[in-house]
Amino acid sequence: MRLRIAADPHSAKWYVLLQLHHLVTDHVAQEQVVAEVRSLLAGFAQALPAPVAYRGFVGEALWQAQQQDAEGYFRNKLGTIDEPTTPFGLVDVYGDGSEIEEHGQAVEAALALRVRRAARRLGVSCATLFHAAWGLVVGSTSAREDVVFGSVLSGRMQGNEGADRVLGMFINTLPMRLQLG
C-alpha cells in the first residue's frame, strides 16, 4: 500500500493518491478504505462500524479445507493432464512483462442483454458463458480440445457475514478444465 499526498500550490487543497496492490486487497476493500477515510475527515469516526478481523475468514477457510479433500478433488479433475495448454505455443511467460500488450473492448449494452438472457435461458451465470467462450478461444489457439486455464474467483461471494467490510485478500485463481469435444 502506498499513500502519496500533495498540496495544491494555487489553493488550500490537498490531494491524496492511494495505491493498493491487488494481492493485498480488492475493489471492495479499496472502496471501504476510501469510505472510512472520508468518514474520519468529516468527523464521523464514532459512526464507523467495528472492524471485522481478516483472521476470522482465514480460520474459516482453513477449517473448510480440513473438512474437504481439495487435493483429491483437483487430482480427480486434473490428474490426466500431462502438459500445459499453451495458446500459440507460448511457454515462456515468466519474463518481466515489458512485452505484454493488453487490449480491451466494452461489451455493448445490446450484446450484454443477449448474454444475460441466454444465461437465464440455460440456467447458468454469465460467467459460465464467458468461461465457455474463453475455453473455445484457448482450444482454438492451442489446437486442443481438452483445455485448462486459470479463472480468478472472489472469496467474498461465499456469503460469510461481514465479508463486505473486511480488508484482506479475497481472490484466488483456480484451474478450469473444459473438454470441448
C-alpha atoms as a PDB file:
ATOM      1  CA  MET A   1       0.000   0.000   0.000  1.00  0.00           C
ATOM      2  CA  ARG A   2       1.311   3.422  -0.901  1.00  0.00           C
ATOM      3  CA  LEU A   3      -0.153   6.782   0.026  1.00  0.00           C
ATOM      4  CA  ARG A   4       1.112   9.980  -1.558  1.00  0.00           C
ATOM      5  CA  ILE A   5      -0.062  13.465  -0.688  1.00  0.00           C
ATOM      6  CA  ALA A   6       0.447  16.748  -2.484  1.00  0.00           C
ATOM      7  CA  ALA A   7      -0.558  20.303  -1.739  1.00  0.00           C
ATOM      8  CA  ASP A   8      -2.171  22.361  -4.480  1.00  0.00           C
ATOM      9  CA  PRO A   9       0.092  25.417  -4.755  1.00  0.00           C
ATOM     10  CA  HIS A  10      -2.819  27.528  -6.019  1.00  0.00           C
ATOM     11  CA  SER A  11      -5.291  26.778  -3.240  1.00  0.00           C
ATOM     12  CA  ALA A  12      -5.585  25.368   0.264  1.00  0.00           C
ATOM     13  CA  LYS A  13      -6.495  21.927  -1.123  1.00  0.00           C
ATOM     14  CA  TRP A  14      -4.557  18.741  -0.660  1.00  0.00           C
ATOM     15  CA  TYR A  15      -4.654  15.711  -2.937  1.00  0.00           C
ATOM     16  CA  VAL A  16      -4.142  12.091  -1.986  1.00  0.00           C
ATOM     17  CA  LEU A  17      -3.146   9.180  -4.205  1.00  0.00           C
ATOM     18  CA  LEU A  18      -3.846   5.770  -2.700  1.00  0.00           C
ATOM     19  CA  GLN A  19      -2.228   2.797  -4.411  1.00  0.00           C
ATOM     20  CA  LEU A  20      -3.116  -0.701  -3.295  1.00  0.00           C
ATOM     21  CA  HIS A  21      -1.583  -3.837  -4.769  1.00  0.00           C
ATOM     22  CA  HIS A  22      -4.157  -6.350  -5.973  1.00  0.00           C
ATOM     23  CA  LEU A  23      -2.538  -9.056  -3.841  1.00  0.00           C
ATOM     24  CA  VAL A  24      -3.279  -7.047  -0.720  1.00  0.00           C
ATOM     25  CA  THR A  25      -6.836  -6.029  -1.447  1.00  0.00           C
ATOM     26  CA  ASP A  26      -9.640  -5.903  -3.969  1.00  0.00           C
ATOM     27  CA  HIS A  27     -12.017  -3.173  -5.139  1.00  0.00           C
ATOM     28  CA  VAL A  28     -14.441  -3.828  -2.262  1.00  0.00           C
ATOM     29  CA  ALA A  29     -11.741  -3.237   0.356  1.00  0.00           C
ATOM     30  CA  GLN A  30     -10.428  -0.220  -1.543  1.00  0.00           C
ATOM     31  CA  GLU A  31     -13.904   1.326  -1.509  1.00  0.00           C
ATOM     32  CA  GLN A  32     -14.130   0.535   2.207  1.00  0.00           C
ATOM     33  CA  VAL A  33     -10.813   2.273   2.954  1.00  0.00           C
ATOM     34  CA  VAL A  34     -11.846   5.379   0.992  1.00  0.00           C
ATOM     35  CA  ALA A  35     -15.263   5.485   2.704  1.00  0.00           C
ATOM     36  CA  GLU A  36     -13.667   5.206   6.143  1.00  0.00           C
ATOM     37  CA  VAL A  37     -11.143   7.954   5.389  1.00  0.00           C
ATOM     38  CA  ARG A  38     -13.976  10.208   4.216  1.00  0.00           C
ATOM     39  CA  SER A  39     -15.894   9.489   7.415  1.00  0.00           C
ATOM     40  CA  LEU A  40     -12.838  10.293   9.514  1.00  0.00           C
ATOM     41  CA  LEU A  41     -12.205  13.545   7.645  1.00  0.00           C
ATOM     42  CA  ALA A  42     -15.854  14.524   8.040  1.00  0.00           C
ATOM     43  CA  GLY A  43     -15.659  13.966  11.806  1.00  0.00           C
ATOM     44  CA  PHE A  44     -17.781  10.830  11.915  1.00  0.00           C
ATOM     45  CA  ALA A  45     -15.211   8.424  13.359  1.00  0.00           C
ATOM     46  CA  GLN A  46     -17.638   7.317  16.091  1.00  0.00           C
ATOM     47  CA  ALA A  47     -20.193   6.255  13.440  1.00  0.00           C
ATOM     48  CA  LEU A  48     -17.815   3.783  11.782  1.00  0.00           C
ATOM     49  CA  PRO A  49     -18.728   0.138  12.325  1.00  0.00           C
ATOM     50  CA  ALA A  50     -16.375  -2.075  14.294  1.00  0.00           C
ATOM     51  CA  PRO A  51     -13.676  -3.579  12.077  1.00  0.00           C
ATOM     52  CA  VAL A  52     -14.084  -7.188  11.004  1.00  0.00           C
ATOM     53  CA  ALA A  53     -10.942  -9.255  11.538  1.00  0.00           C
ATOM     54  CA  TYR A  54      -9.484 -10.928   8.436  1.00  0.00           C
ATOM     55  CA  ARG A  55      -8.120 -13.722  10.628  1.00  0.00           C
ATOM     56  CA  GLY A  56     -11.665 -14.981  11.113  1.00  0.00           C
ATOM     57  CA  PHE A  57     -12.021 -15.533   7.377  1.00  0.00           C
ATOM     58  CA  VAL A  58      -8.614 -17.216   7.225  1.00  0.00           C
ATOM     59  CA  GLY A  59      -9.660 -19.514  10.082  1.00  0.00           C
ATOM     60  CA  GLU A  60     -12.929 -20.347   8.295  1.00  0.00           C
ATOM     61  CA  ALA A  61     -11.042 -21.137   5.076  1.00  0.00           C
ATOM     62  CA  LEU A  62      -8.609 -23.395   6.938  1.00  0.00           C
ATOM     63  CA  TRP A  63     -11.474 -25.192   8.698  1.00  0.00           C
ATOM     64  CA  GLN A  64     -13.252 -25.734   5.371  1.00  0.00           C
ATOM     65  CA  ALA A  65     -10.030 -27.064   3.824  1.00  0.00           C
ATOM     66  CA  GLN A  66      -9.787 -29.635   6.640  1.00  0.00           C
ATOM     67  CA  GLN A  67     -13.389 -30.723   6.023  1.00  0.00           C
ATOM     68  CA  GLN A  68     -12.919 -31.165   2.282  1.00  0.00           C
ATOM     69  CA  ASP A  69     -10.418 -33.134   0.256  1.00  0.00           C
ATOM     70  CA  ALA A  70      -9.256 -30.355  -2.086  1.00  0.00           C
ATOM     71  CA  GLU A  71      -6.182 -32.293  -3.196  1.00  0.00           C
ATOM     72  CA  GLY A  72      -8.296 -35.311  -4.105  1.00  0.00           C
ATOM     73  CA  TYR A  73     -10.820 -33.124  -5.891  1.00  0.00           C
ATOM     74  CA  PHE A  74      -8.177 -31.478  -8.089  1.00  0.00           C
ATOM     75  CA  ARG A  75      -6.364 -34.769  -8.670  1.00  0.00           C
ATOM     76  CA  ASN A  76      -9.675 -36.218  -9.903  1.00  0.00           C
ATOM     77  CA  LYS A  77     -10.373 -33.212 -12.161  1.00  0.00           C
ATOM     78  CA  LEU A  78      -6.837 -32.631 -13.467  1.00  0.00           C
ATOM     79  CA  GLY A  79      -4.985 -35.905 -12.907  1.00  0.00           C
ATOM     80  CA  THR A  80      -4.987 -36.931 -16.565  1.00  0.00           C
ATOM     81  CA  ILE A  81      -3.491 -33.618 -17.730  1.00  0.00           C
ATOM     82  CA  ASP A  82       0.167 -34.203 -18.554  1.00  0.00           C
ATOM     83  CA  GLU A  83       1.116 -30.985 -20.359  1.00  0.00           C
ATOM     84  CA  PRO A  84       0.103 -27.337 -20.172  1.00  0.00           C
ATOM     85  CA  THR A  85      -2.407 -25.758 -22.507  1.00  0.00           C
ATOM     86  CA  THR A  86      -0.284 -23.243 -24.389  1.00  0.00           C
ATOM     87  CA  PRO A  87      -2.044 -20.883 -26.800  1.00  0.00           C
ATOM     88  CA  PHE A  88       0.158 -20.199 -29.826  1.00  0.00           C
ATOM     89  CA  GLY A  89       2.796 -22.460 -28.251  1.00  0.00           C
ATOM     90  CA  LEU A  90       3.850 -19.728 -25.816  1.00  0.00           C
ATOM     91  CA  VAL A  91       5.575 -21.307 -22.854  1.00  0.00           C
ATOM     92  CA  ASP A  92       7.978 -18.595 -21.642  1.00  0.00           C
ATOM     93  CA  VAL A  93       5.573 -16.430 -19.691  1.00  0.00           C
ATOM     94  CA  TYR A  94       7.970 -15.578 -16.869  1.00  0.00           C
ATOM     95  CA  GLY A  95       9.536 -12.512 -18.475  1.00  0.00           C
ATOM     96  CA  ASP A  96       9.498  -9.087 -16.901  1.00  0.00           C
ATOM     97  CA  GLY A  97       6.164  -8.173 -18.503  1.00  0.00           C
ATOM     98  CA  SER A  98       7.658  -5.443 -20.665  1.00  0.00           C
ATOM     99  CA  GLU A  99       6.479  -7.134 -23.869  1.00  0.00           C
ATOM    100  CA  ILE A 100       2.863  -7.625 -22.751  1.00  0.00           C
ATOM    101  CA  GLU A 101       0.174  -5.775 -24.642  1.00  0.00           C
ATOM    102  CA  GLU A 102      -3.406  -5.540 -23.427  1.00  0.00           C
ATOM    103  CA  HIS A 103      -6.478  -4.735 -25.410  1.00  0.00           C
ATOM    104  CA  GLY A 104      -9.991  -4.334 -24.125  1.00  0.00           C
ATOM    105  CA  GLN A 105     -13.383  -3.576 -25.506  1.00  0.00           C
ATOM    106  CA  ALA A 106     -16.560  -2.890 -23.602  1.00  0.00           C
ATOM    107  CA  VAL A 107     -19.486  -5.184 -24.309  1.00  0.00           C
ATOM    108  CA  GLU A 108     -22.241  -3.199 -25.983  1.00  0.00           C
ATOM    109  CA  ALA A 109     -25.468  -2.931 -23.982  1.00  0.00           C
ATOM    110  CA  ALA A 110     -27.483  -4.927 -26.538  1.00  0.00           C
ATOM    111  CA  LEU A 111     -24.957  -7.772 -26.516  1.00  0.00           C
ATOM    112  CA  ALA A 112     -24.777  -7.727 -22.709  1.00  0.00           C
ATOM    113  CA  LEU A 113     -28.563  -8.095 -22.595  1.00  0.00           C
ATOM    114  CA  ARG A 114     -28.416 -11.022 -25.042  1.00  0.00           C
ATOM    115  CA  VAL A 115     -25.749 -12.721 -22.901  1.00  0.00           C
ATOM    116  CA  ARG A 116     -27.835 -12.269 -19.733  1.00  0.00           C
ATOM    117  CA  ARG A 117     -30.935 -13.638 -21.482  1.00  0.00           C
ATOM    118  CA  ALA A 118     -29.010 -16.624 -22.837  1.00  0.00           C
ATOM    119  CA  ALA A 119     -27.580 -17.357 -19.392  1.00  0.00           C
ATOM    120  CA  ARG A 120     -31.052 -17.210 -17.814  1.00  0.00           C
ATOM    121  CA  ARG A 121     -32.493 -19.451 -20.528  1.00  0.00           C
ATOM    122  CA  LEU A 122     -29.714 -22.014 -19.950  1.00  0.00           C
ATOM    123  CA  GLY A 123     -29.910 -21.734 -16.155  1.00  0.00           C
ATOM    124  CA  VAL A 124     -26.263 -20.673 -15.793  1.00  0.00           C
ATOM    125  CA  SER A 125     -24.406 -17.483 -14.934  1.00  0.00           C
ATOM    126  CA  CYS A 126     -22.967 -15.040 -17.440  1.00  0.00           C
ATOM    127  CA  ALA A 127     -19.555 -16.030 -16.088  1.00  0.00           C
ATOM    128  CA  THR A 128     -20.234 -19.612 -17.196  1.00  0.00           C
ATOM    129  CA  LEU A 129     -20.897 -18.426 -20.752  1.00  0.00           C
ATOM    130  CA  PHE A 130     -17.732 -16.323 -20.751  1.00  0.00           C
ATOM    131  CA  HIS A 131     -15.709 -19.274 -19.419  1.00  0.00           C
ATOM    132  CA  ALA A 132     -17.101 -21.451 -22.215  1.00  0.00           C
ATOM    133  CA  ALA A 133     -16.262 -18.799 -24.805  1.00  0.00           C
ATOM    134  CA  TRP A 134     -12.756 -18.392 -23.414  1.00  0.00           C
ATOM    135  CA  GLY A 135     -12.336 -22.166 -23.452  1.00  0.00           C
ATOM    136  CA  LEU A 136     -13.162 -22.139 -27.173  1.00  0.00           C
ATOM    137  CA  VAL A 137     -10.569 -19.395 -27.745  1.00  0.00           C
ATOM    138  CA  VAL A 138      -7.919 -21.280 -25.758  1.00  0.00           C
ATOM    139  CA  GLY A 139      -8.785 -24.532 -27.540  1.00  0.00           C
ATOM    140  CA  SER A 140      -8.580 -22.906 -30.958  1.00  0.00           C
ATOM    141  CA  THR A 141      -5.292 -21.134 -30.263  1.00  0.00           C
ATOM    142  CA  SER A 142      -3.681 -24.230 -28.737  1.00  0.00           C
ATOM    143  CA  ALA A 143      -5.122 -26.815 -31.154  1.00  0.00           C
ATOM    144  CA  ARG A 144      -6.547 -28.807 -28.235  1.00  0.00           C
ATOM    145  CA  GLU A 145      -9.998 -29.977 -27.256  1.00  0.00           C
ATOM    146  CA  ASP A 146      -9.147 -30.569 -23.602  1.00  0.00           C
ATOM    147  CA  VAL A 147      -8.045 -27.220 -22.185  1.00  0.00           C
ATOM    148  CA  VAL A 148      -7.063 -25.888 -18.784  1.00  0.00           C
ATOM    149  CA  PHE A 149      -6.863 -22.201 -17.897  1.00  0.00           C
ATOM    150  CA  GLY A 150      -6.998 -20.123 -14.733  1.00  0.00           C
ATOM    151  CA  SER A 151     -10.038 -18.247 -13.516  1.00  0.00           C
ATOM    152  CA  VAL A 152      -9.901 -15.579 -10.837  1.00  0.00           C
ATOM    153  CA  LEU A 153     -12.638 -16.010  -8.246  1.00  0.00           C
ATOM    154  CA  SER A 154     -13.749 -13.772  -5.406  1.00  0.00           C
ATOM    155  CA  GLY A 155     -13.915 -15.277  -1.942  1.00  0.00           C
ATOM    156  CA  ARG A 156     -16.323 -12.548  -0.866  1.00  0.00           C
ATOM    157  CA  MET A 157     -19.099 -14.349  -2.668  1.00  0.00           C
ATOM    158  CA  GLN A 158     -19.152 -17.183  -0.114  1.00  0.00           C
ATOM    159  CA  GLY A 159     -21.777 -15.353   1.924  1.00  0.00           C
ATOM    160  CA  ASN A 160     -19.702 -15.031   5.095  1.00  0.00           C
ATOM    161  CA  GLU A 161     -21.057 -12.385   7.449  1.00  0.00           C
ATOM    162  CA  GLY A 162     -19.002  -9.202   7.308  1.00  0.00           C
ATOM    163  CA  ALA A 163     -17.246 -10.136   4.046  1.00  0.00           C
ATOM    164  CA  ASP A 164     -18.305  -6.815   2.588  1.00  0.00           C
ATOM    165  CA  ARG A 165     -16.444  -4.909   5.341  1.00  0.00           C
ATOM    166  CA  VAL A 166     -13.237  -6.837   5.956  1.00  0.00           C
ATOM    167  CA  LEU A 167      -9.917  -5.790   4.460  1.00  0.00           C
ATOM    168  CA  GLY A 168      -7.799  -8.552   3.010  1.00  0.00           C
ATOM    169  CA  MET A 169      -7.139 -10.722   0.023  1.00  0.00           C
ATOM    170  CA  PHE A 170     -10.273 -12.459  -1.145  1.00  0.00           C
ATOM    171  CA  ILE A 171      -9.214 -13.593  -4.583  1.00  0.00           C
ATOM    172  CA  ASN A 172      -7.982 -16.931  -5.768  1.00  0.00           C
ATOM    173  CA  THR A 173      -7.041 -18.312  -9.160  1.00  0.00           C
ATOM    174  CA  LEU A 174      -8.403 -21.780  -9.751  1.00  0.00           C
ATOM    175  CA  PRO A 175      -7.890 -24.068 -12.731  1.00  0.00           C
ATOM    176  CA  MET A 176     -10.794 -24.517 -15.142  1.00  0.00           C
ATOM    177  CA  ARG A 177     -10.814 -27.630 -17.317  1.00  0.00           C
ATOM    178  CA  LEU A 178     -13.090 -27.768 -20.324  1.00  0.00           C
ATOM    179  CA  GLN A 179     -13.363 -30.769 -22.601  1.00  0.00           C
ATOM    180  CA  LEU A 180     -14.580 -29.133 -25.787  1.00  0.00           C
ATOM    181  CA  GLY A 181     -15.189 -32.245 -27.892  1.00  0.00           C
END
